[in-house]
Amino acid sequence: MPTYTFICDKEKNGCGYIFELFMLMCDYSPIQQCPKCKRLQSVRRDFIKDTPRTNVKLSDDEITLGHLAQRNTERLSNDEKAELNRKHNAYKTSQPKKPLPNGMSYMKD
């Protein structure tokens, strides 16, 4: 169901209230009443804030490793993400176990 954003325009003596209405396209009417101040004349459609809300389902052959990683990341809590980040970067602070041959050195961050 589409979302329509309206604003009670202050330039037309409105209150400045922004509100969204969910309605079918066949029920759409550009004339709306402000739920806050109850004015009709000052309400106008705010096309800038209207964004289409869509959901695209990819087929199995379109899903990439990046899509799966993003999906799994969105499922993690902030604490889980921080722990994974700590584990991933732990090797940078750990000391190497074996010494390198003469003339070689480890790269620094």
PDB file of N, CA and C in Angstrom:
ATOM      1  N   MET A   1       0.849  -1.164   0.000  1.00  0.00           N
ATOM      2  CA  MET A   1       0.000   0.000   0.000  1.00  0.00           C
ATOM      3  C   MET A   1       0.902   1.236   0.000  1.00  0.00           C
ATOM      4  N   PRO A   2       0.686   2.162  -0.935  1.00  0.00           N
ATOM      5  CA  PRO A   2       1.535   3.351  -1.021  1.00  0.00           C
ATOM      6  C   PRO A   2       1.393   4.272   0.191  1.00  0.00           C
ATOM      7  N   THR A   3       2.475   4.973   0.479  1.00  0.00           N
ATOM      8  CA  THR A   3       2.507   5.957   1.551  1.00  0.00           C
ATOM      9  C   THR A   3       2.563   7.339   0.931  1.00  0.00           C
ATOM     10  N   TYR A   4       1.714   8.227   1.389  1.00  0.00           N
ATOM     11  CA  TYR A   4       1.688   9.596   0.910  1.00  0.00           C
ATOM     12  C   TYR A   4       2.035  10.513   2.069  1.00  0.00           C
ATOM     13  N   THR A   5       2.980  11.428   1.839  1.00  0.00           N
ATOM     14  CA  THR A   5       3.409  12.358   2.872  1.00  0.00           C
ATOM     15  C   THR A   5       2.775  13.717   2.605  1.00  0.00           C
ATOM     16  N   PHE A   6       2.203  14.302   3.645  1.00  0.00           N
ATOM     17  CA  PHE A   6       1.580  15.611   3.554  1.00  0.00           C
ATOM     18  C   PHE A   6       2.189  16.518   4.601  1.00  0.00           C
ATOM     19  N   ILE A   7       2.123  17.827   4.333  1.00  0.00           N
ATOM     20  CA  ILE A   7       2.610  18.815   5.289  1.00  0.00           C
ATOM     21  C   ILE A   7       1.574  19.924   5.403  1.00  0.00           C
ATOM     22  N   CYS A   8       1.341  20.357   6.621  1.00  0.00           N
ATOM     23  CA  CYS A   8       0.460  21.484   6.878  1.00  0.00           C
ATOM     24  C   CYS A   8       1.343  22.725   6.755  1.00  0.00           C
ATOM     25  N   ASP A   9       1.264  23.389   5.600  1.00  0.00           N
ATOM     26  CA  ASP A   9       2.205  24.430   5.191  1.00  0.00           C
ATOM     27  C   ASP A   9       2.085  25.688   6.049  1.00  0.00           C
ATOM     28  N   LYS A  10       3.197  26.092   6.669  1.00  0.00           N
ATOM     29  CA  LYS A  10       3.213  27.305   7.500  1.00  0.00           C
ATOM     30  C   LYS A  10       3.018  28.564   6.665  1.00  0.00           C
ATOM     31  N   GLU A  11       3.421  28.506   5.399  1.00  0.00           N
ATOM     32  CA  GLU A  11       3.250  29.670   4.522  1.00  0.00           C
ATOM     33  C   GLU A  11       1.777  29.930   4.218  1.00  0.00           C
ATOM     34  N   LYS A  12       0.936  28.943   4.415  1.00  0.00           N
ATOM     35  CA  LYS A  12      -0.507  29.089   4.203  1.00  0.00           C
ATOM     36  C   LYS A  12      -1.242  29.069   5.539  1.00  0.00           C
ATOM     37  N   ASN A  13      -0.591  29.577   6.586  1.00  0.00           N
ATOM     38  CA  ASN A  13      -1.155  29.654   7.943  1.00  0.00           C
ATOM     39  C   ASN A  13      -1.415  28.284   8.565  1.00  0.00           C
ATOM     40  N   GLY A  14      -0.625  27.302   8.177  1.00  0.00           N
ATOM     41  CA  GLY A  14      -0.730  25.969   8.759  1.00  0.00           C
ATOM     42  C   GLY A  14       0.183  25.838   9.969  1.00  0.00           C
ATOM     43  N   CYS A  15       0.183  24.664  10.570  1.00  0.00           N
ATOM     44  CA  CYS A  15       0.961  24.444  11.799  1.00  0.00           C
ATOM     45  C   CYS A  15       2.337  23.812  11.531  1.00  0.00           C
ATOM     46  N   GLY A  16       2.616  23.384  10.293  1.00  0.00           N
ATOM     47  CA  GLY A  16       3.905  22.791   9.970  1.00  0.00           C
ATOM     48  C   GLY A  16       3.993  21.302  10.251  1.00  0.00           C
ATOM     49  N   TYR A  17       2.884  20.691  10.621  1.00  0.00           N
ATOM     50  CA  TYR A  17       2.862  19.277  10.973  1.00  0.00           C
ATOM     51  C   TYR A  17       3.042  18.428   9.715  1.00  0.00           C
ATOM     52  N   ILE A  18       3.906  17.422   9.804  1.00  0.00           N
ATOM     53  CA  ILE A  18       4.140  16.491   8.697  1.00  0.00           C
ATOM     54  C   ILE A  18       3.529  15.153   9.082  1.00  0.00           C
ATOM     55  N   PHE A  19       2.733  14.590   8.176  1.00  0.00           N
ATOM     56  CA  PHE A  19       2.100  13.311   8.478  1.00  0.00           C
ATOM     57  C   PHE A  19       2.049  12.441   7.231  1.00  0.00           C
ATOM     58  N   GLU A  20       1.974  11.139   7.450  1.00  0.00           N
ATOM     59  CA  GLU A  20       1.918  10.168   6.361  1.00  0.00           C
ATOM     60  C   GLU A  20       0.572   9.460   6.395  1.00  0.00           C
ATOM     61  N   LEU A  21       0.054   9.184   5.216  1.00  0.00           N
ATOM     62  CA  LEU A  21      -1.184   8.430   5.098  1.00  0.00           C
ATOM     63  C   LEU A  21      -0.930   7.219   4.212  1.00  0.00           C
ATOM     64  N   PHE A  22      -1.442   6.096   4.629  1.00  0.00           N
ATOM     65  CA  PHE A  22      -1.355   4.864   3.854  1.00  0.00           C
ATOM     66  C   PHE A  22      -2.712   4.647   3.213  1.00  0.00           C
ATOM     67  N   MET A  23      -2.748   4.628   1.887  1.00  0.00           N
ATOM     68  CA  MET A  23      -4.015   4.405   1.198  1.00  0.00           C
ATOM     69  C   MET A  23      -3.752   3.815  -0.176  1.00  0.00           C
ATOM     70  N   LEU A  24      -4.758   3.161  -0.697  1.00  0.00           N
ATOM     71  CA  LEU A  24      -4.669   2.621  -2.046  1.00  0.00           C
ATOM     72  C   LEU A  24      -4.678   3.768  -3.048  1.00  0.00           C
ATOM     73  N   MET A  25      -4.100   3.537  -4.205  1.00  0.00           N
ATOM     74  CA  MET A  25      -4.054   4.586  -5.218  1.00  0.00           C
ATOM     75  C   MET A  25      -5.458   5.015  -5.639  1.00  0.00           C
ATOM     76  N   CYS A  26      -6.377   4.085  -5.656  1.00  0.00           N
ATOM     77  CA  CYS A  26      -7.738   4.427  -6.062  1.00  0.00           C
ATOM     78  C   CYS A  26      -8.459   5.267  -4.997  1.00  0.00           C
ATOM     79  N   ASP A  27      -7.979   5.243  -3.756  1.00  0.00           N
ATOM     80  CA  ASP A  27      -8.587   6.031  -2.677  1.00  0.00           C
ATOM     81  C   ASP A  27      -7.887   7.370  -2.468  1.00  0.00           C
ATOM     82  N   TYR A  28      -6.833   7.642  -3.232  1.00  0.00           N
ATOM     83  CA  TYR A  28      -6.036   8.854  -3.020  1.00  0.00           C
ATOM     84  C   TYR A  28      -6.848  10.104  -3.313  1.00  0.00           C
ATOM     85  N   SER A  29      -6.692  11.096  -2.455  1.00  0.00           N
ATOM     86  CA  SER A  29      -7.285  12.412  -2.656  1.00  0.00           C
ATOM     87  C   SER A  29      -6.243  13.447  -2.254  1.00  0.00           C
ATOM     88  N   PRO A  30      -5.991  14.459  -3.107  1.00  0.00           N
ATOM     89  CA  PRO A  30      -4.995  15.473  -2.756  1.00  0.00           C
ATOM     90  C   PRO A  30      -5.473  16.402  -1.637  1.00  0.00           C
ATOM     91  N   ILE A  31      -6.750  16.403  -1.352  1.00  0.00           N
ATOM     92  CA  ILE A  31      -7.296  17.252  -0.292  1.00  0.00           C
ATOM     93  C   ILE A  31      -7.375  16.430   0.983  1.00  0.00           C
ATOM     94  N   GLN A  32      -6.562  16.830   1.963  1.00  0.00           N
ATOM     95  CA  GLN A  32      -6.517  16.123   3.236  1.00  0.00           C
ATOM     96  C   GLN A  32      -6.643  17.126   4.375  1.00  0.00           C
ATOM     97  N   GLN A  33      -7.073  16.645   5.515  1.00  0.00           N
ATOM     98  CA  GLN A  33      -7.202  17.482   6.696  1.00  0.00           C
ATOM     99  C   GLN A  33      -6.038  17.206   7.633  1.00  0.00           C
ATOM    100  N   CYS A  34      -5.461  18.267   8.171  1.00  0.00           N
ATOM    101  CA  CYS A  34      -4.352  18.123   9.109  1.00  0.00           C
ATOM    102  C   CYS A  34      -4.878  17.500  10.403  1.00  0.00           C
ATOM    103  N   PRO A  35      -4.265  16.406  10.873  1.00  0.00           N
ATOM    104  CA  PRO A  35      -4.748  15.785  12.096  1.00  0.00           C
ATOM    105  C   PRO A  35      -4.464  16.618  13.352  1.00  0.00           C
ATOM    106  N   LYS A  36      -3.550  17.580  13.236  1.00  0.00           N
ATOM    107  CA  LYS A  36      -3.187  18.380  14.406  1.00  0.00           C
ATOM    108  C   LYS A  36      -4.059  19.633  14.542  1.00  0.00           C
ATOM    109  N   CYS A  37      -4.117  20.452  13.469  1.00  0.00           N
ATOM    110  CA  CYS A  37      -4.870  21.714  13.558  1.00  0.00           C
ATOM    111  C   CYS A  37      -6.215  21.658  12.834  1.00  0.00           C
ATOM    112  N   LYS A  38      -6.506  20.561  12.164  1.00  0.00           N
ATOM    113  CA  LYS A  38      -7.779  20.316  11.479  1.00  0.00           C
ATOM    114  C   LYS A  38      -8.047  21.235  10.292  1.00  0.00           C
ATOM    115  N   ARG A  39      -7.005  21.842   9.708  1.00  0.00           N
ATOM    116  CA  ARG A  39      -7.189  22.705   8.538  1.00  0.00           C
ATOM    117  C   ARG A  39      -7.153  21.880   7.260  1.00  0.00           C
ATOM    118  N   LEU A  40      -7.887  22.338   6.259  1.00  0.00           N
ATOM    119  CA  LEU A  40      -7.882  21.708   4.945  1.00  0.00           C
ATOM    120  C   LEU A  40      -7.045  22.509   3.944  1.00  0.00           C
ATOM    121  N   GLN A  41      -7.177  23.845   3.972  1.00  0.00           N
ATOM    122  CA  GLN A  41      -6.578  24.695   2.939  1.00  0.00           C
ATOM    123  C   GLN A  41      -5.054  24.718   3.001  1.00  0.00           C
ATOM    124  N   SER A  42      -4.467  24.501   4.145  1.00  0.00           N
ATOM    125  CA  SER A  42      -3.013  24.625   4.263  1.00  0.00           C
ATOM    126  C   SER A  42      -2.259  23.325   4.006  1.00  0.00           C
ATOM    127  N   VAL A  43      -2.956  22.223   3.849  1.00  0.00           N
ATOM    128  CA  VAL A  43      -2.296  20.925   3.669  1.00  0.00           C
ATOM    129  C   VAL A  43      -1.940  20.716   2.205  1.00  0.00           C
ATOM    130  N   ARG A  44      -0.680  20.345   1.978  1.00  0.00           N
ATOM    131  CA  ARG A  44      -0.225  20.031   0.624  1.00  0.00           C
ATOM    132  C   ARG A  44       0.604  18.757   0.660  1.00  0.00           C
ATOM    133  N   ARG A  45       0.725  18.132  -0.486  1.00  0.00           N
ATOM    134  CA  ARG A  45       1.506  16.901  -0.600  1.00  0.00           C
ATOM    135  C   ARG A  45       2.983  17.253  -0.586  1.00  0.00           C
ATOM    136  N   ASP A  46       3.774  16.499   0.147  1.00  0.00           N
ATOM    137  CA  ASP A  46       5.219  16.704   0.223  1.00  0.00           C
ATOM    138  C   ASP A  46       5.897  15.614  -0.609  1.00  0.00           C
ATOM    139  N   PHE A  47       6.148  15.923  -1.883  1.00  0.00           N
ATOM    140  CA  PHE A  47       6.706  14.935  -2.805  1.00  0.00           C
ATOM    141  C   PHE A  47       8.158  14.596  -2.483  1.00  0.00           C
ATOM    142  N   ILE A  48       8.872  15.511  -1.840  1.00  0.00           N
ATOM    143  CA  ILE A  48      10.287  15.280  -1.535  1.00  0.00           C
ATOM    144  C   ILE A  48      10.435  14.157  -0.522  1.00  0.00           C
ATOM    145  N   LYS A  49       9.574  14.119   0.473  1.00  0.00           N
ATOM    146  CA  LYS A  49       9.678  13.087   1.502  1.00  0.00           C
ATOM    147  C   LYS A  49       9.034  11.763   1.081  1.00  0.00           C
ATOM    148  N   ASP A  50       8.224  11.803   0.039  1.00  0.00           N
ATOM    149  CA  ASP A  50       7.631  10.567  -0.465  1.00  0.00           C
ATOM    150  C   ASP A  50       8.719   9.718  -1.102  1.00  0.00           C
ATOM    151  N   THR A  51       8.889   8.539  -0.603  1.00  0.00           N
ATOM    152  CA  THR A  51       9.848   7.622  -1.201  1.00  0.00           C
ATOM    153  C   THR A  51       9.133   6.325  -1.517  1.00  0.00           C
ATOM    154  N   PRO A  52       9.396   5.779  -2.666  1.00  0.00           N
ATOM    155  CA  PRO A  52       8.752   4.510  -2.964  1.00  0.00           C
ATOM    156  C   PRO A  52       9.302   3.415  -2.061  1.00  0.00           C
ATOM    157  N   ARG A  53       8.437   2.626  -1.528  1.00  0.00           N
ATOM    158  CA  ARG A  53       8.853   1.528  -0.649  1.00  0.00           C
ATOM    159  C   ARG A  53       8.647   0.229  -1.416  1.00  0.00           C
ATOM    160  N   THR A  54       9.750  -0.328  -1.803  1.00  0.00           N
ATOM    161  CA  THR A  54       9.669  -1.559  -2.579  1.00  0.00           C
ATOM    162  C   THR A  54      10.553  -2.613  -1.941  1.00  0.00           C
ATOM    163  N   ASN A  55      10.276  -3.825  -2.293  1.00  0.00           N
ATOM    164  CA  ASN A  55      11.069  -4.940  -1.814  1.00  0.00           C
ATOM    165  C   ASN A  55      11.368  -5.825  -3.023  1.00  0.00           C
ATOM    166  N   VAL A  56      12.639  -5.969  -3.317  1.00  0.00           N
ATOM    167  CA  VAL A  56      13.033  -6.759  -4.477  1.00  0.00           C
ATOM    168  C   VAL A  56      13.586  -8.083  -3.989  1.00  0.00           C
ATOM    169  N   LYS A  57      13.011  -9.147  -4.479  1.00  0.00           N
ATOM    170  CA  LYS A  57      13.470 -10.488  -4.124  1.00  0.00           C
ATOM    171  C   LYS A  57      14.337 -10.983  -5.263  1.00  0.00           C
ATOM    172  N   LEU A  58      15.593 -11.290  -4.937  1.00  0.00           N
ATOM    173  CA  LEU A  58      16.513 -11.790  -5.951  1.00  0.00           C
ATOM    174  C   LEU A  58      16.301 -13.284  -6.170  1.00  0.00           C
ATOM    175  N   SER A  59      16.507 -13.702  -7.396  1.00  0.00           N
ATOM    176  CA  SER A  59      16.424 -15.132  -7.670  1.00  0.00           C
ATOM    177  C   SER A  59      17.704 -15.794  -7.180  1.00  0.00           C
ATOM    178  N   ASP A  60      17.697 -17.103  -7.085  1.00  0.00           N
ATOM    179  CA  ASP A  60      18.836 -17.836  -6.534  1.00  0.00           C
ATOM    180  C   ASP A  60      20.131 -17.590  -7.298  1.00  0.00           C
ATOM    181  N   ASP A  61      20.049 -17.420  -8.609  1.00  0.00           N
ATOM    182  CA  ASP A  61      21.276 -17.213  -9.377  1.00  0.00           C
ATOM    183  C   ASP A  61      21.763 -15.766  -9.336  1.00  0.00           C
ATOM    184  N   GLU A  62      20.992 -14.843  -8.749  1.00  0.00           N
ATOM    185  CA  GLU A  62      21.414 -13.452  -8.616  1.00  0.00           C
ATOM    186  C   GLU A  62      22.034 -13.152  -7.248  1.00  0.00           C
ATOM    187  N   ILE A  63      21.857 -14.032  -6.275  1.00  0.00           N
ATOM    188  CA  ILE A  63      22.372 -13.806  -4.937  1.00  0.00           C
ATOM    189  C   ILE A  63      23.882 -14.025  -4.934  1.00  0.00           C
ATOM    190  N   THR A  64      24.607 -13.036  -4.406  1.00  0.00           N
ATOM    191  CA  THR A  64      26.065 -13.129  -4.339  1.00  0.00           C
ATOM    192  C   THR A  64      26.495 -13.341  -2.895  1.00  0.00           C
ATOM    193  N   LEU A  65      27.763 -13.586  -2.725  1.00  0.00           N
ATOM    194  CA  LEU A  65      28.321 -13.737  -1.390  1.00  0.00           C
ATOM    195  C   LEU A  65      28.144 -12.450  -0.585  1.00  0.00           C
ATOM    196  N   GLY A  66      28.228 -11.319  -1.264  1.00  0.00           N
ATOM    197  CA  GLY A  66      28.021 -10.031  -0.605  1.00  0.00           C
ATOM    198  C   GLY A  66      26.616  -9.888  -0.049  1.00  0.00           C
ATOM    199  N   HIS A  67      25.609 -10.357  -0.812  1.00  0.00           N
ATOM    200  CA  HIS A  67      24.219 -10.320  -0.328  1.00  0.00           C
ATOM    201  C   HIS A  67      24.062 -11.161   0.934  1.00  0.00           C
ATOM    202  N   LEU A  68      24.665 -12.346   0.929  1.00  0.00           N
ATOM    203  CA  LEU A  68      24.562 -13.217   2.098  1.00  0.00           C
ATOM    204  C   LEU A  68      25.274 -12.614   3.304  1.00  0.00           C
ATOM    205  N   ALA A  69      26.436 -12.012   3.076  1.00  0.00           N
ATOM    206  CA  ALA A  69      27.174 -11.386   4.175  1.00  0.00           C
ATOM    207  C   ALA A  69      26.376 -10.226   4.761  1.00  0.00           C
ATOM    208  N   GLN A  70      25.765  -9.421   3.904  1.00  0.00           N
ATOM    209  CA  GLN A  70      24.951  -8.290   4.389  1.00  0.00           C
ATOM    210  C   GLN A  70      23.762  -8.793   5.191  1.00  0.00           C
ATOM    211  N   ARG A  71      23.093  -9.820   4.691  1.00  0.00           N
ATOM    212  CA  ARG A  71      21.937 -10.376   5.404  1.00  0.00           C
ATOM    213  C   ARG A  71      22.344 -10.889   6.784  1.00  0.00           C
ATOM    214  N   ASN A  72      23.463 -11.612   6.841  1.00  0.00           N
ATOM    215  CA  ASN A  72      23.914 -12.146   8.124  1.00  0.00           C
ATOM    216  C   ASN A  72      24.366 -11.046   9.066  1.00  0.00           C
ATOM    217  N   THR A  73      24.981  -9.990   8.542  1.00  0.00           N
ATOM    218  CA  THR A  73      25.411  -8.870   9.367  1.00  0.00           C
ATOM    219  C   THR A  73      24.206  -8.159   9.975  1.00  0.00           C
ATOM    220  N   GLU A  74      23.141  -8.014   9.206  1.00  0.00           N
ATOM    221  CA  GLU A  74      21.945  -7.346   9.713  1.00  0.00           C
ATOM    222  C   GLU A  74      21.289  -8.143  10.838  1.00  0.00           C
ATOM    223  N   ARG A  75      21.514  -9.422  10.877  1.00  0.00           N
ATOM    224  CA  ARG A  75      20.919 -10.266  11.921  1.00  0.00           C
ATOM    225  C   ARG A  75      21.693 -10.223  13.242  1.00  0.00           C
ATOM    226  N   LEU A  76      22.951  -9.736  13.201  1.00  0.00           N
ATOM    227  CA  LEU A  76      23.785  -9.701  14.402  1.00  0.00           C
ATOM    228  C   LEU A  76      23.478  -8.472  15.249  1.00  0.00           C
ATOM    229  N   SER A  77      23.626  -8.629  16.551  1.00  0.00           N
ATOM    230  CA  SER A  77      23.491  -7.479  17.451  1.00  0.00           C
ATOM    231  C   SER A  77      24.782  -6.669  17.404  1.00  0.00           C
ATOM    232  N   ASN A  78      24.768  -5.478  17.962  1.00  0.00           N
ATOM    233  CA  ASN A  78      25.975  -4.642  17.992  1.00  0.00           C
ATOM    234  C   ASN A  78      27.088  -5.299  18.798  1.00  0.00           C
ATOM    235  N   ASP A  79      26.723  -6.002  19.877  1.00  0.00           N
ATOM    236  CA  ASP A  79      27.732  -6.697  20.683  1.00  0.00           C
ATOM    237  C   ASP A  79      28.405  -7.813  19.890  1.00  0.00           C
ATOM    238  N   GLU A  80      27.607  -8.561  19.134  1.00  0.00           N
ATOM    239  CA  GLU A  80      28.171  -9.640  18.314  1.00  0.00           C
ATOM    240  C   GLU A  80      29.086  -9.080  17.223  1.00  0.00           C
ATOM    241  N   LYS A  81      28.684  -7.956  16.624  1.00  0.00           N
ATOM    242  CA  LYS A  81      29.518  -7.329  15.600  1.00  0.00           C
ATOM    243  C   LYS A  81      30.846  -6.860  16.196  1.00  0.00           C
ATOM    244  N   ALA A  82      30.791  -6.258  17.392  1.00  0.00           N
ATOM    245  CA  ALA A  82      32.012  -5.777  18.047  1.00  0.00           C
ATOM    246  C   ALA A  82      32.946  -6.949  18.373  1.00  0.00           C
ATOM    247  N   GLU A  83      32.398  -8.055  18.832  1.00  0.00           N
ATOM    248  CA  GLU A  83      33.214  -9.229  19.154  1.00  0.00           C
ATOM    249  C   GLU A  83      33.870  -9.809  17.899  1.00  0.00           C
ATOM    250  N   LEU A  84      33.128  -9.908  16.806  1.00  0.00           N
ATOM    251  CA  LEU A  84      33.705 -10.394  15.553  1.00  0.00           C
ATOM    252  C   LEU A  84      34.800  -9.453  15.053  1.00  0.00           C
ATOM    253  N   ASN A  85      34.579  -8.159  15.183  1.00  0.00           N
ATOM    254  CA  ASN A  85      35.587  -7.186  14.766  1.00  0.00           C
ATOM    255  C   ASN A  85      36.841  -7.318  15.623  1.00  0.00           C
ATOM    256  N   ARG A  86      36.656  -7.526  16.935  1.00  0.00           N
ATOM    257  CA  ARG A  86      37.804  -7.694  17.830  1.00  0.00           C
ATOM    258  C   ARG A  86      38.596  -8.942  17.451  1.00  0.00           C
ATOM    259  N   LYS A  87      37.900 -10.052  17.198  1.00  0.00           N
ATOM    260  CA  LYS A  87      38.582 -11.294  16.820  1.00  0.00           C
ATOM    261  C   LYS A  87      39.313 -11.131  15.489  1.00  0.00           C
ATOM    262  N   HIS A  88      38.677 -10.455  14.549  1.00  0.00           N
ATOM    263  CA  HIS A  88      39.282 -10.288  13.223  1.00  0.00           C
ATOM    264  C   HIS A  88      40.559  -9.461  13.302  1.00  0.00           C
ATOM    265  N   ASN A  89      40.575  -8.446  14.146  1.00  0.00           N
ATOM    266  CA  ASN A  89      41.735  -7.551  14.232  1.00  0.00           C
ATOM    267  C   ASN A  89      42.749  -7.980  15.281  1.00  0.00           C
ATOM    268  N   ALA A  90      42.490  -9.089  15.985  1.00  0.00           N
ATOM    269  CA  ALA A  90      43.401  -9.530  17.047  1.00  0.00           C
ATOM    270  C   ALA A  90      44.775  -9.900  16.498  1.00  0.00           C
ATOM    271  N   TYR A  91      44.843 -10.394  15.286  1.00  0.00           N
ATOM    272  CA  TYR A  91      46.131 -10.814  14.736  1.00  0.00           C
ATOM    273  C   TYR A  91      47.077  -9.631  14.560  1.00  0.00           C
ATOM    274  N   LYS A  92      46.533  -8.427  14.409  1.00  0.00           N
ATOM    275  CA  LYS A  92      47.381  -7.253  14.200  1.00  0.00           C
ATOM    276  C   LYS A  92      48.182  -6.907  15.447  1.00  0.00           C
ATOM    277  N   THR A  93      47.639  -7.194  16.616  1.00  0.00           N
ATOM    278  CA  THR A  93      48.316  -6.844  17.859  1.00  0.00           C
ATOM    279  C   THR A  93      49.132  -7.996  18.425  1.00  0.00           C
ATOM    280  N   SER A  94      48.904  -9.204  17.943  1.00  0.00           N
ATOM    281  CA  SER A  94      49.635 -10.349  18.488  1.00  0.00           C
ATOM    282  C   SER A  94      51.050 -10.395  17.914  1.00  0.00           C
ATOM    283  N   GLN A  95      51.964 -10.910  18.701  1.00  0.00           N
ATOM    284  CA  GLN A  95      53.356 -11.033  18.279  1.00  0.00           C
ATOM    285  C   GLN A  95      53.521 -12.282  17.426  1.00  0.00           C
ATOM    286  N   PRO A  96      54.341 -12.218  16.407  1.00  0.00           N
ATOM    287  CA  PRO A  96      54.560 -13.405  15.570  1.00  0.00           C
ATOM    288  C   PRO A  96      55.233 -14.515  16.371  1.00  0.00           C
ATOM    289  N   LYS A  97      54.893 -15.750  16.055  1.00  0.00           N
ATOM    290  CA  LYS A  97      55.431 -16.900  16.784  1.00  0.00           C
ATOM    291  C   LYS A  97      56.832 -17.271  16.308  1.00  0.00           C
ATOM    292  N   LYS A  98      57.092 -17.082  15.027  1.00  0.00           N
ATOM    293  CA  LYS A  98      58.391 -17.465  14.486  1.00  0.00           C
ATOM    294  C   LYS A  98      59.177 -16.217  14.079  1.00  0.00           C
ATOM    295  N   PRO A  99      60.459 -16.214  14.352  1.00  0.00           N
ATOM    296  CA  PRO A  99      61.258 -15.086  13.864  1.00  0.00           C
ATOM    297  C   PRO A  99      61.452 -15.206  12.349  1.00  0.00           C
ATOM    298  N   LEU A 100      61.553 -14.071  11.709  1.00  0.00           N
ATOM    299  CA  LEU A 100      61.753 -14.063  10.263  1.00  0.00           C
ATOM    300  C   LEU A 100      63.235 -14.262   9.938  1.00  0.00           C
ATOM    301  N   PRO A 101      63.549 -14.718   8.748  1.00  0.00           N
ATOM    302  CA  PRO A 101      64.951 -14.851   8.336  1.00  0.00           C
ATOM    303  C   PRO A 101      65.647 -13.488   8.368  1.00  0.00           C
ATOM    304  N   ASN A 102      66.971 -13.532   8.424  1.00  0.00           N
ATOM    305  CA  ASN A 102      67.774 -12.305   8.478  1.00  0.00           C
ATOM    306  C   ASN A 102      67.443 -11.389   7.308  1.00  0.00           C
ATOM    307  N   GLY A 103      67.328 -10.099   7.622  1.00  0.00           N
ATOM    308  CA  GLY A 103      67.067  -9.107   6.582  1.00  0.00           C
ATOM    309  C   GLY A 103      65.581  -8.883   6.315  1.00  0.00           C
ATOM    310  N   MET A 104      64.707  -9.649   6.916  1.00  0.00           N
ATOM    311  CA  MET A 104      63.262  -9.480   6.698  1.00  0.00           C
ATOM    312  C   MET A 104      62.630  -8.920   7.964  1.00  0.00           C
ATOM    313  N   SER A 105      61.512  -8.203   7.775  1.00  0.00           N
ATOM    314  CA  SER A 105      60.788  -7.665   8.923  1.00  0.00           C
ATOM    315  C   SER A 105      59.291  -7.701   8.643  1.00  0.00           C
ATOM    316  N   TYR A 106      58.509  -7.669   9.700  1.00  0.00           N
ATOM    317  CA  TYR A 106      57.070  -7.636   9.563  1.00  0.00           C
ATOM    318  C   TYR A 106      56.610  -6.220   9.224  1.00  0.00           C
ATOM    319  N   MET A 107      55.562  -6.133   8.440  1.00  0.00           N
ATOM    320  CA  MET A 107      55.023  -4.825   8.085  1.00  0.00           C
ATOM    321  C   MET A 107      54.261  -4.260   9.290  1.00  0.00           C
ATOM    322  N   LYS A 108      54.353  -2.950   9.469  1.00  0.00           N
ATOM    323  CA  LYS A 108      53.617  -2.297  10.545  1.00  0.00           C
ATOM    324  C   LYS A 108      52.348  -1.701   9.977  1.00  0.00           C
ATOM    325  N   ASP A 109      51.326  -1.560  10.818  1.00  0.00           N
ATOM    326  CA  ASP A 109      50.039  -0.987  10.379  1.00  0.00           C
ATOM    327  C   ASP A 109      50.186   0.425   9.939  1.00  0.00           C
TER     328      ASP A 109
END
